[in-house]
Amino acid sequence: MRVVKTIDEVRAQVKEWRAQGLTVGLVPTMGYLHEGHASLIDASHRDNDRTVVSDFVNPMQFGPTEDFESYPRDIERDAKLVEEHGGDIIFNPEPSEMYHEGFSSFVDMTVLTQELCGLSRPVHFRGVCTVVSKLFNIVKPDRAYFGKKDAQQLAVIRHMVDDLNMDIEIVGCPIVRDADGLAKSSRNTYLNEAERKAALVLSKAVFLGMDMVRKGEKDCSAIIGAMKKLIEAEPLAHIDYVKIVDCATMQQIKALDRPALCAMAVYIGKTRLIDNFFTEDV
């Protein structure tokens, strides 16, 4: 396993693999890897002959008041995890390698990006679509792996691949949680002890919503209301949103009469965390 910094190095290695008839998987990440990322690398290692892990904190998907500068980074730690889980290359470029001087081309999307996280983070998905498109063009993978914790991102990437006729299989992988239920996230490192305990309210709300669906509740407002009441009882929690949307369009629905996503974003102190469940997984 090796760490490479340039696009040319990645392309040269992938070209060599292709000449040998090997399949290639891509795991796009922003680094500071944890067990959730490890599960994506495991899936790619299982499905493909070779795996590329991108490790790039993408400045384009951060707003001016967001945590780009403070976002955790540790490439040596990441390299160890990638090697342990069967990855072959880490692509760890500088921003100047991905966005040359005068860069002015973007991949944008409507509808799917205008709900949930797109409302409070208006530049986010343009940055995601642009950088993922670039990674797809650089690596040209057979398959790319994304976690279901970032459910809207997964839907957006799948839609982009379909819209732009990209010949790539998008694989969504289950949320990985700590033993107490908290969804794995690089941003969990921001939490102090009290906030870490308070953050459990997200997974508790998810499990409550899933239980209501399992018992036959179809009224979205009833499910959302119960989840919000639970979250609001935690003094350190501040809700950005709790919504139920159509899986295909990311638009809000009133009743569970189709495949749906129940998603939330909640601030614990100053840290914004997300969690969700798909009704089809209940």
C-alpha atoms as a PDB file:
ATOM      1  CA  MET A   1       0.000   0.000   0.000  1.00  0.00           C
ATOM      2  CA  ARG A   2       1.339   3.431  -0.864  1.00  0.00           C
ATOM      3  CA  VAL A   3       0.314   7.063  -0.540  1.00  0.00           C
ATOM      4  CA  VAL A   4       0.363   9.120  -3.738  1.00  0.00           C
ATOM      5  CA  LYS A   5      -0.070  12.866  -4.071  1.00  0.00           C
ATOM      6  CA  THR A   6      -0.624  13.481  -7.789  1.00  0.00           C
ATOM      7  CA  ILE A   7      -3.271  12.698 -10.372  1.00  0.00           C
ATOM      8  CA  ASP A   8      -0.619  11.399 -12.760  1.00  0.00           C
ATOM      9  CA  GLU A   9       0.545   8.803 -10.213  1.00  0.00           C
ATOM     10  CA  VAL A  10      -2.985   7.490  -9.701  1.00  0.00           C
ATOM     11  CA  ARG A  11      -3.664   7.302 -13.425  1.00  0.00           C
ATOM     12  CA  ALA A  12      -0.381   5.512 -14.116  1.00  0.00           C
ATOM     13  CA  GLN A  13      -1.086   2.885 -11.461  1.00  0.00           C
ATOM     14  CA  VAL A  14      -4.678   2.316 -12.564  1.00  0.00           C
ATOM     15  CA  LYS A  15      -3.532   2.029 -16.186  1.00  0.00           C
ATOM     16  CA  GLU A  16      -1.089  -0.687 -15.119  1.00  0.00           C
ATOM     17  CA  TRP A  17      -3.826  -2.541 -13.252  1.00  0.00           C
ATOM     18  CA  ARG A  18      -6.160  -2.295 -16.235  1.00  0.00           C
ATOM     19  CA  ALA A  19      -3.484  -3.742 -18.505  1.00  0.00           C
ATOM     20  CA  GLN A  20      -3.493  -6.776 -16.199  1.00  0.00           C
ATOM     21  CA  GLY A  21      -7.276  -7.090 -16.503  1.00  0.00           C
ATOM     22  CA  LEU A  22      -7.900  -6.116 -12.876  1.00  0.00           C
ATOM     23  CA  THR A  23     -11.042  -4.460 -11.497  1.00  0.00           C
ATOM     24  CA  VAL A  24     -10.787  -1.273  -9.442  1.00  0.00           C
ATOM     25  CA  GLY A  25     -12.876   0.019  -6.544  1.00  0.00           C
ATOM     26  CA  LEU A  26     -12.859   3.585  -5.212  1.00  0.00           C
ATOM     27  CA  VAL A  27     -13.625   4.706  -1.660  1.00  0.00           C
ATOM     28  CA  PRO A  28     -13.903   8.529  -1.584  1.00  0.00           C
ATOM     29  CA  THR A  29     -13.216   9.960   1.896  1.00  0.00           C
ATOM     30  CA  MET A  30     -12.166  13.169   3.617  1.00  0.00           C
ATOM     31  CA  GLY A  31      -9.739  11.250   5.792  1.00  0.00           C
ATOM     32  CA  TYR A  32      -9.456  10.831   9.548  1.00  0.00           C
ATOM     33  CA  LEU A  33     -10.716   7.336   8.907  1.00  0.00           C
ATOM     34  CA  HIS A  34     -12.750   5.258  11.358  1.00  0.00           C
ATOM     35  CA  GLU A  35     -14.581   1.921  11.393  1.00  0.00           C
ATOM     36  CA  GLY A  36     -17.267   3.268   9.057  1.00  0.00           C
ATOM     37  CA  HIS A  37     -14.669   4.010   6.396  1.00  0.00           C
ATOM     38  CA  ALA A  38     -13.032   0.658   7.121  1.00  0.00           C
ATOM     39  CA  SER A  39     -16.303  -1.092   6.253  1.00  0.00           C
ATOM     40  CA  LEU A  40     -16.310   0.646   2.846  1.00  0.00           C
ATOM     41  CA  ILE A  41     -12.706  -0.404   2.201  1.00  0.00           C
ATOM     42  CA  ASP A  42     -13.580  -3.968   3.256  1.00  0.00           C
ATOM     43  CA  ALA A  43     -16.489  -4.002   0.785  1.00  0.00           C
ATOM     44  CA  SER A  44     -14.297  -2.710  -2.043  1.00  0.00           C
ATOM     45  CA  HIS A  45     -11.526  -5.193  -1.224  1.00  0.00           C
ATOM     46  CA  ARG A  46     -14.123  -7.984  -1.333  1.00  0.00           C
ATOM     47  CA  ASP A  47     -15.644  -6.895  -4.655  1.00  0.00           C
ATOM     48  CA  ASN A  48     -12.579  -5.730  -6.620  1.00  0.00           C
ATOM     49  CA  ASP A  49      -9.019  -6.737  -7.378  1.00  0.00           C
ATOM     50  CA  ARG A  50      -7.610  -3.359  -6.343  1.00  0.00           C
ATOM     51  CA  THR A  51      -8.880  -0.495  -4.160  1.00  0.00           C
ATOM     52  CA  VAL A  52      -8.085   3.222  -4.264  1.00  0.00           C
ATOM     53  CA  VAL A  53      -8.979   5.303  -1.196  1.00  0.00           C
ATOM     54  CA  SER A  54      -9.086   9.053  -1.736  1.00  0.00           C
ATOM     55  CA  ASP A  55      -8.122  11.033   1.380  1.00  0.00           C
ATOM     56  CA  PHE A  56      -8.930  14.674   0.627  1.00  0.00           C
ATOM     57  CA  VAL A  57     -10.601  17.358   2.714  1.00  0.00           C
ATOM     58  CA  ASN A  58     -12.438  19.070  -0.113  1.00  0.00           C
ATOM     59  CA  PRO A  59     -12.532  22.848   0.429  1.00  0.00           C
ATOM     60  CA  MET A  60     -15.292  23.292  -2.157  1.00  0.00           C
ATOM     61  CA  GLN A  61     -17.938  21.596  -0.022  1.00  0.00           C
ATOM     62  CA  PHE A  62     -17.377  23.775   3.058  1.00  0.00           C
ATOM     63  CA  GLY A  63     -19.190  27.067   3.560  1.00  0.00           C
ATOM     64  CA  PRO A  64     -17.325  30.173   4.804  1.00  0.00           C
ATOM     65  CA  THR A  65     -18.327  29.612   8.462  1.00  0.00           C
ATOM     66  CA  GLU A  66     -17.810  25.824   8.461  1.00  0.00           C
ATOM     67  CA  ASP A  67     -14.968  23.719   9.840  1.00  0.00           C
ATOM     68  CA  PHE A  68     -12.615  23.280   6.860  1.00  0.00           C
ATOM     69  CA  GLU A  69      -9.487  24.464   8.699  1.00  0.00           C
ATOM     70  CA  SER A  70     -10.228  22.498  11.876  1.00  0.00           C
ATOM     71  CA  TYR A  71     -11.457  19.317  10.175  1.00  0.00           C
ATOM     72  CA  PRO A  72      -9.303  16.479  11.608  1.00  0.00           C
ATOM     73  CA  ARG A  73      -6.425  15.202   9.468  1.00  0.00           C
ATOM     74  CA  ASP A  74      -3.939  12.381  10.118  1.00  0.00           C
ATOM     75  CA  ILE A  75      -2.582  10.726   6.995  1.00  0.00           C
ATOM     76  CA  GLU A  76      -0.217   8.376   8.863  1.00  0.00           C
ATOM     77  CA  ARG A  77      -3.101   7.032  10.934  1.00  0.00           C
ATOM     78  CA  ASP A  78      -5.234   6.737   7.803  1.00  0.00           C
ATOM     79  CA  ALA A  79      -2.518   4.869   5.898  1.00  0.00           C
ATOM     80  CA  LYS A  80      -2.294   2.246   8.635  1.00  0.00           C
ATOM     81  CA  LEU A  81      -6.055   1.634   8.564  1.00  0.00           C
ATOM     82  CA  VAL A  82      -6.195   1.441   4.764  1.00  0.00           C
ATOM     83  CA  GLU A  83      -3.352  -1.084   4.671  1.00  0.00           C
ATOM     84  CA  GLU A  84      -4.949  -3.208   7.405  1.00  0.00           C
ATOM     85  CA  HIS A  85      -8.191  -3.393   5.405  1.00  0.00           C
ATOM     86  CA  GLY A  86      -6.703  -4.270   2.035  1.00  0.00           C
ATOM     87  CA  GLY A  87      -6.511  -0.915   0.274  1.00  0.00           C
ATOM     88  CA  ASP A  88      -3.808  -0.555  -2.364  1.00  0.00           C
ATOM     89  CA  ILE A  89      -3.418   3.196  -2.818  1.00  0.00           C
ATOM     90  CA  ILE A  90      -4.292   6.311  -0.848  1.00  0.00           C
ATOM     91  CA  PHE A  91      -4.721   9.353  -3.081  1.00  0.00           C
ATOM     92  CA  ASN A  92      -3.917  12.294  -0.796  1.00  0.00           C
ATOM     93  CA  PRO A  93      -3.658  15.400  -3.008  1.00  0.00           C
ATOM     94  CA  GLU A  94      -3.189  19.015  -2.007  1.00  0.00           C
ATOM     95  CA  PRO A  95      -6.102  21.321  -2.910  1.00  0.00           C
ATOM     96  CA  SER A  96      -3.917  22.883  -5.625  1.00  0.00           C
ATOM     97  CA  GLU A  97      -3.599  19.474  -7.293  1.00  0.00           C
ATOM     98  CA  MET A  98      -7.383  19.085  -7.518  1.00  0.00           C
ATOM     99  CA  TYR A  99      -8.221  22.727  -8.248  1.00  0.00           C
ATOM    100  CA  HIS A 100      -5.610  24.441 -10.395  1.00  0.00           C
ATOM    101  CA  GLU A 101      -5.367  28.215 -10.657  1.00  0.00           C
ATOM    102  CA  GLY A 102      -8.312  29.502 -12.662  1.00  0.00           C
ATOM    103  CA  PHE A 103     -10.483  26.437 -11.944  1.00  0.00           C
ATOM    104  CA  SER A 104     -14.041  27.371 -12.927  1.00  0.00           C
ATOM    105  CA  SER A 105     -15.985  24.213 -13.888  1.00  0.00           C
ATOM    106  CA  PHE A 106     -18.560  22.732 -11.530  1.00  0.00           C
ATOM    107  CA  VAL A 107     -21.096  19.903 -11.367  1.00  0.00           C
ATOM    108  CA  ASP A 108     -24.369  21.151  -9.913  1.00  0.00           C
ATOM    109  CA  MET A 109     -27.776  19.592  -9.298  1.00  0.00           C
ATOM    110  CA  THR A 110     -31.306  20.751  -8.530  1.00  0.00           C
ATOM    111  CA  VAL A 111     -34.209  19.128  -6.616  1.00  0.00           C
ATOM    112  CA  LEU A 112     -32.292  16.458  -4.650  1.00  0.00           C
ATOM    113  CA  THR A 113     -29.879  19.026  -3.232  1.00  0.00           C
ATOM    114  CA  GLN A 114     -32.517  21.542  -2.179  1.00  0.00           C
ATOM    115  CA  GLU A 115     -33.778  19.696   0.919  1.00  0.00           C
ATOM    116  CA  LEU A 116     -32.236  18.375   4.144  1.00  0.00           C
ATOM    117  CA  CYS A 117     -28.537  19.322   4.357  1.00  0.00           C
ATOM    118  CA  GLY A 118     -28.813  21.342   1.153  1.00  0.00           C
ATOM    119  CA  LEU A 119     -30.964  23.937   2.929  1.00  0.00           C
ATOM    120  CA  SER A 120     -28.475  24.765   5.664  1.00  0.00           C
ATOM    121  CA  ARG A 121     -25.339  24.040   3.597  1.00  0.00           C
ATOM    122  CA  PRO A 122     -26.149  25.635   0.212  1.00  0.00           C
ATOM    123  CA  VAL A 123     -22.697  25.159  -1.398  1.00  0.00           C
ATOM    124  CA  HIS A 124     -22.126  21.672  -0.037  1.00  0.00           C
ATOM    125  CA  PHE A 125     -23.495  19.421  -2.765  1.00  0.00           C
ATOM    126  CA  ARG A 126     -22.007  21.390  -5.643  1.00  0.00           C
ATOM    127  CA  GLY A 127     -18.663  20.737  -3.975  1.00  0.00           C
ATOM    128  CA  VAL A 128     -19.475  17.062  -3.451  1.00  0.00           C
ATOM    129  CA  CYS A 129     -20.641  16.492  -7.034  1.00  0.00           C
ATOM    130  CA  THR A 130     -17.656  18.337  -8.486  1.00  0.00           C
ATOM    131  CA  VAL A 131     -14.987  16.530  -6.465  1.00  0.00           C
ATOM    132  CA  VAL A 132     -16.594  13.096  -6.851  1.00  0.00           C
ATOM    133  CA  SER A 133     -16.883  13.633 -10.621  1.00  0.00           C
ATOM    134  CA  LYS A 134     -13.198  14.525 -10.695  1.00  0.00           C
ATOM    135  CA  LEU A 135     -12.291  11.426  -8.688  1.00  0.00           C
ATOM    136  CA  PHE A 136     -14.367   9.268 -11.033  1.00  0.00           C
ATOM    137  CA  ASN A 137     -12.537  10.768 -14.026  1.00  0.00           C
ATOM    138  CA  ILE A 138      -9.137  10.290 -12.390  1.00  0.00           C
ATOM    139  CA  VAL A 139      -9.588   6.713 -11.127  1.00  0.00           C
ATOM    140  CA  LYS A 140     -12.232   5.432 -13.580  1.00  0.00           C
ATOM    141  CA  PRO A 141     -13.362   2.787 -11.062  1.00  0.00           C
ATOM    142  CA  ASP A 142     -15.685  -0.124 -11.721  1.00  0.00           C
ATOM    143  CA  ARG A 143     -17.401   0.538  -8.389  1.00  0.00           C
ATOM    144  CA  ALA A 144     -17.452   3.343  -5.820  1.00  0.00           C
ATOM    145  CA  TYR A 145     -18.443   2.959  -2.174  1.00  0.00           C
ATOM    146  CA  PHE A 146     -20.372   5.404   0.012  1.00  0.00           C
ATOM    147  CA  GLY A 147     -21.851   5.104   3.501  1.00  0.00           C
ATOM    148  CA  LYS A 148     -25.587   5.266   4.119  1.00  0.00           C
ATOM    149  CA  LYS A 149     -24.988   7.650   7.033  1.00  0.00           C
ATOM    150  CA  ASP A 150     -24.576  10.362   4.392  1.00  0.00           C
ATOM    151  CA  ALA A 151     -27.866   9.275   2.848  1.00  0.00           C
ATOM    152  CA  GLN A 152     -28.580  12.430   0.859  1.00  0.00           C
ATOM    153  CA  GLN A 153     -25.054  12.386  -0.529  1.00  0.00           C
ATOM    154  CA  LEU A 154     -25.534   8.763  -1.611  1.00  0.00           C
ATOM    155  CA  ALA A 155     -28.799   9.660  -3.380  1.00  0.00           C
ATOM    156  CA  VAL A 156     -27.193  12.673  -5.054  1.00  0.00           C
ATOM    157  CA  ILE A 157     -24.212  10.650  -6.313  1.00  0.00           C
ATOM    158  CA  ARG A 158     -26.463   7.898  -7.663  1.00  0.00           C
ATOM    159  CA  HIS A 159     -28.604  10.484  -9.456  1.00  0.00           C
ATOM    160  CA  MET A 160     -25.546  12.230 -10.899  1.00  0.00           C
ATOM    161  CA  VAL A 161     -24.142   8.938 -12.206  1.00  0.00           C
ATOM    162  CA  ASP A 162     -27.482   8.171 -13.852  1.00  0.00           C
ATOM    163  CA  ASP A 163     -27.944  11.670 -15.288  1.00  0.00           C
ATOM    164  CA  LEU A 164     -24.423  11.852 -16.726  1.00  0.00           C
ATOM    165  CA  ASN A 165     -24.299   8.229 -17.966  1.00  0.00           C
ATOM    166  CA  MET A 166     -21.250   7.337 -15.895  1.00  0.00           C
ATOM    167  CA  ASP A 167     -20.355   3.662 -16.201  1.00  0.00           C
ATOM    168  CA  ILE A 168     -19.792   3.149 -12.459  1.00  0.00           C
ATOM    169  CA  GLU A 169     -21.666   0.997  -9.946  1.00  0.00           C
ATOM    170  CA  ILE A 170     -22.475   2.965  -6.781  1.00  0.00           C
ATOM    171  CA  VAL A 171     -22.514   0.766  -3.667  1.00  0.00           C
ATOM    172  CA  GLY A 172     -24.199   2.003  -0.483  1.00  0.00           C
ATOM    173  CA  CYS A 173     -22.929   0.463   2.767  1.00  0.00           C
ATOM    174  CA  PRO A 174     -24.691   0.302   6.168  1.00  0.00           C
ATOM    175  CA  ILE A 175     -24.102   2.782   8.996  1.00  0.00           C
ATOM    176  CA  VAL A 176     -21.459   1.631  11.474  1.00  0.00           C
ATOM    177  CA  ARG A 177     -22.201   2.524  15.094  1.00  0.00           C
ATOM    178  CA  ASP A 178     -20.342   2.490  18.391  1.00  0.00           C
ATOM    179  CA  ALA A 179     -21.526  -0.067  20.944  1.00  0.00           C
ATOM    180  CA  ASP A 180     -23.781   2.568  22.526  1.00  0.00           C
ATOM    181  CA  GLY A 181     -25.421   3.417  19.190  1.00  0.00           C
ATOM    182  CA  LEU A 182     -23.682   6.631  18.116  1.00  0.00           C
ATOM    183  CA  ALA A 183     -23.034   6.637  14.366  1.00  0.00           C
ATOM    184  CA  LYS A 184     -19.317   6.737  13.526  1.00  0.00           C
ATOM    185  CA  SER A 185     -18.201  10.160  12.296  1.00  0.00           C
ATOM    186  CA  SER A 186     -14.904  12.000  12.020  1.00  0.00           C
ATOM    187  CA  ARG A 187     -16.658  14.954  13.682  1.00  0.00           C
ATOM    188  CA  ASN A 188     -17.270  12.894  16.838  1.00  0.00           C
ATOM    189  CA  THR A 189     -13.712  13.876  17.799  1.00  0.00           C
ATOM    190  CA  TYR A 190     -14.995  17.424  18.415  1.00  0.00           C
ATOM    191  CA  LEU A 191     -17.236  16.262  21.278  1.00  0.00           C
ATOM    192  CA  ASN A 192     -16.233  16.583  24.910  1.00  0.00           C
ATOM    193  CA  GLU A 193     -17.362  13.974  27.432  1.00  0.00           C
ATOM    194  CA  ALA A 194     -20.714  15.613  28.189  1.00  0.00           C
ATOM    195  CA  GLU A 195     -21.420  16.245  24.493  1.00  0.00           C
ATOM    196  CA  ARG A 196     -20.467  12.677  23.585  1.00  0.00           C
ATOM    197  CA  LYS A 197     -23.082  11.427  26.039  1.00  0.00           C
ATOM    198  CA  ALA A 198     -25.658  13.936  24.787  1.00  0.00           C
ATOM    199  CA  ALA A 199     -25.021  12.891  21.176  1.00  0.00           C
ATOM    200  CA  LEU A 200     -26.648   9.537  21.887  1.00  0.00           C
ATOM    201  CA  VAL A 201     -29.970  11.329  21.510  1.00  0.00           C
ATOM    202  CA  LEU A 202     -29.572  11.048  17.716  1.00  0.00           C
ATOM    203  CA  SER A 203     -29.395   7.268  17.644  1.00  0.00           C
ATOM    204  CA  LYS A 204     -32.097   7.017  20.311  1.00  0.00           C
ATOM    205  CA  ALA A 205     -34.370   9.073  18.062  1.00  0.00           C
ATOM    206  CA  VAL A 206     -33.498   6.883  15.078  1.00  0.00           C
ATOM    207  CA  PHE A 207     -34.322   3.719  17.018  1.00  0.00           C
ATOM    208  CA  LEU A 208     -37.585   5.274  18.225  1.00  0.00           C
ATOM    209  CA  GLY A 209     -38.597   6.155  14.663  1.00  0.00           C
ATOM    210  CA  MET A 210     -37.685   2.704  13.411  1.00  0.00           C
ATOM    211  CA  ASP A 211     -39.755   1.101  16.164  1.00  0.00           C
ATOM    212  CA  MET A 212     -42.786   3.223  15.239  1.00  0.00           C
ATOM    213  CA  VAL A 213     -42.446   2.205  11.580  1.00  0.00           C
ATOM    214  CA  ARG A 214     -42.005  -1.422  12.571  1.00  0.00           C
ATOM    215  CA  LYS A 215     -45.249  -1.245  14.543  1.00  0.00           C
ATOM    216  CA  GLY A 216     -47.121   0.095  11.525  1.00  0.00           C
ATOM    217  CA  GLU A 217     -47.121   3.889  11.915  1.00  0.00           C
ATOM    218  CA  LYS A 218     -47.552   5.527   8.497  1.00  0.00           C
ATOM    219  CA  ASP A 219     -48.098   9.176   9.469  1.00  0.00           C
ATOM    220  CA  CYS A 220     -44.811  11.015   8.938  1.00  0.00           C
ATOM    221  CA  SER A 221     -45.773  13.902  11.199  1.00  0.00           C
ATOM    222  CA  ALA A 222     -46.397  11.489  14.094  1.00  0.00           C
ATOM    223  CA  ILE A 223     -42.997   9.841  13.648  1.00  0.00           C
ATOM    224  CA  ILE A 224     -41.179  13.170  13.282  1.00  0.00           C
ATOM    225  CA  GLY A 225     -43.025  14.644  16.262  1.00  0.00           C
ATOM    226  CA  ALA A 226     -42.033  11.786  18.560  1.00  0.00           C
ATOM    227  CA  MET A 227     -38.403  11.929  17.419  1.00  0.00           C
ATOM    228  CA  LYS A 228     -38.209  15.705  17.871  1.00  0.00           C
ATOM    229  CA  LYS A 229     -39.730  15.495  21.362  1.00  0.00           C
ATOM    230  CA  LEU A 230     -37.033  13.020  22.389  1.00  0.00           C
ATOM    231  CA  ILE A 231     -34.221  15.163  20.950  1.00  0.00           C
ATOM    232  CA  GLU A 232     -35.555  18.401  22.436  1.00  0.00           C
ATOM    233  CA  ALA A 233     -35.427  16.849  25.903  1.00  0.00           C
ATOM    234  CA  GLU A 234     -31.608  16.910  25.664  1.00  0.00           C
ATOM    235  CA  PRO A 235     -30.353  20.369  26.755  1.00  0.00           C
ATOM    236  CA  LEU A 236     -27.178  20.227  24.630  1.00  0.00           C
ATOM    237  CA  ALA A 237     -29.071  19.342  21.437  1.00  0.00           C
ATOM    238  CA  HIS A 238     -30.322  21.863  18.888  1.00  0.00           C
ATOM    239  CA  ILE A 239     -32.247  20.496  15.886  1.00  0.00           C
ATOM    240  CA  ASP A 240     -31.319  21.618  12.390  1.00  0.00           C
ATOM    241  CA  TYR A 241     -33.935  19.316  10.852  1.00  0.00           C
ATOM    242  CA  VAL A 242     -35.773  16.031  11.290  1.00  0.00           C
ATOM    243  CA  LYS A 243     -37.620  15.084   8.101  1.00  0.00           C
ATOM    244  CA  ILE A 244     -38.988  12.151   6.164  1.00  0.00           C
ATOM    245  CA  VAL A 245     -38.433  12.284   2.414  1.00  0.00           C
ATOM    246  CA  ASP A 246     -38.959  10.228  -0.713  1.00  0.00           C
ATOM    247  CA  CYS A 247     -35.814   8.155  -1.312  1.00  0.00           C
ATOM    248  CA  ALA A 248     -35.726   9.013  -5.006  1.00  0.00           C
ATOM    249  CA  THR A 249     -36.394  12.764  -4.912  1.00  0.00           C
ATOM    250  CA  MET A 250     -35.385  13.804  -1.378  1.00  0.00           C
ATOM    251  CA  GLN A 251     -38.683  15.733  -1.174  1.00  0.00           C
ATOM    252  CA  GLN A 252     -40.802  15.617   1.982  1.00  0.00           C
ATOM    253  CA  ILE A 253     -43.758  13.238   2.129  1.00  0.00           C
ATOM    254  CA  LYS A 254     -46.757  13.044   4.462  1.00  0.00           C
ATOM    255  CA  ALA A 255     -47.264   9.282   4.612  1.00  0.00           C
ATOM    256  CA  LEU A 256     -45.093   6.189   4.301  1.00  0.00           C
ATOM    257  CA  ASP A 257     -46.592   5.055   1.011  1.00  0.00           C
ATOM    258  CA  ARG A 258     -43.242   4.626  -0.803  1.00  0.00           C
ATOM    259  CA  PRO A 259     -39.575   3.924   0.036  1.00  0.00           C
ATOM    260  CA  ALA A 260     -38.580   6.715   2.413  1.00  0.00           C
ATOM    261  CA  LEU A 261     -35.628   8.154   4.278  1.00  0.00           C
ATOM    262  CA  CYS A 262     -35.963   9.577   7.776  1.00  0.00           C
ATOM    263  CA  ALA A 263     -32.997  11.914   8.226  1.00  0.00           C
ATOM    264  CA  MET A 264     -31.829  14.384  10.846  1.00  0.00           C
ATOM    265  CA  ALA A 265     -29.121  16.914  11.514  1.00  0.00           C
ATOM    266  CA  VAL A 266     -28.624  17.980  15.119  1.00  0.00           C
ATOM    267  CA  TYR A 267     -26.122  20.307  16.736  1.00  0.00           C
ATOM    268  CA  ILE A 268     -24.581  18.966  19.927  1.00  0.00           C
ATOM    269  CA  GLY A 269     -22.965  22.089  21.263  1.00  0.00           C
ATOM    270  CA  LYS A 270     -21.227  23.506  18.189  1.00  0.00           C
ATOM    271  CA  THR A 271     -20.863  20.144  16.415  1.00  0.00           C
ATOM    272  CA  ARG A 272     -23.335  19.278  13.683  1.00  0.00           C
ATOM    273  CA  LEU A 273     -24.063  15.530  13.499  1.00  0.00           C
ATOM    274  CA  ILE A 274     -26.314  13.551  11.167  1.00  0.00           C
ATOM    275  CA  ASP A 275     -28.110  10.222  11.429  1.00  0.00           C
ATOM    276  CA  ASN A 276     -30.931   8.461   9.595  1.00  0.00           C
ATOM    277  CA  PHE A 277     -32.759   5.310   8.695  1.00  0.00           C
ATOM    278  CA  PHE A 278     -34.321   3.983   5.502  1.00  0.00           C
ATOM    279  CA  THR A 279     -37.807   2.533   5.932  1.00  0.00           C
ATOM    280  CA  GLU A 280     -36.858  -0.343   3.646  1.00  0.00           C
ATOM    281  CA  ASP A 281     -34.227  -1.395   6.215  1.00  0.00           C
ATOM    282  CA  VAL A 282     -36.662  -1.508   9.138  1.00  0.00           C
END
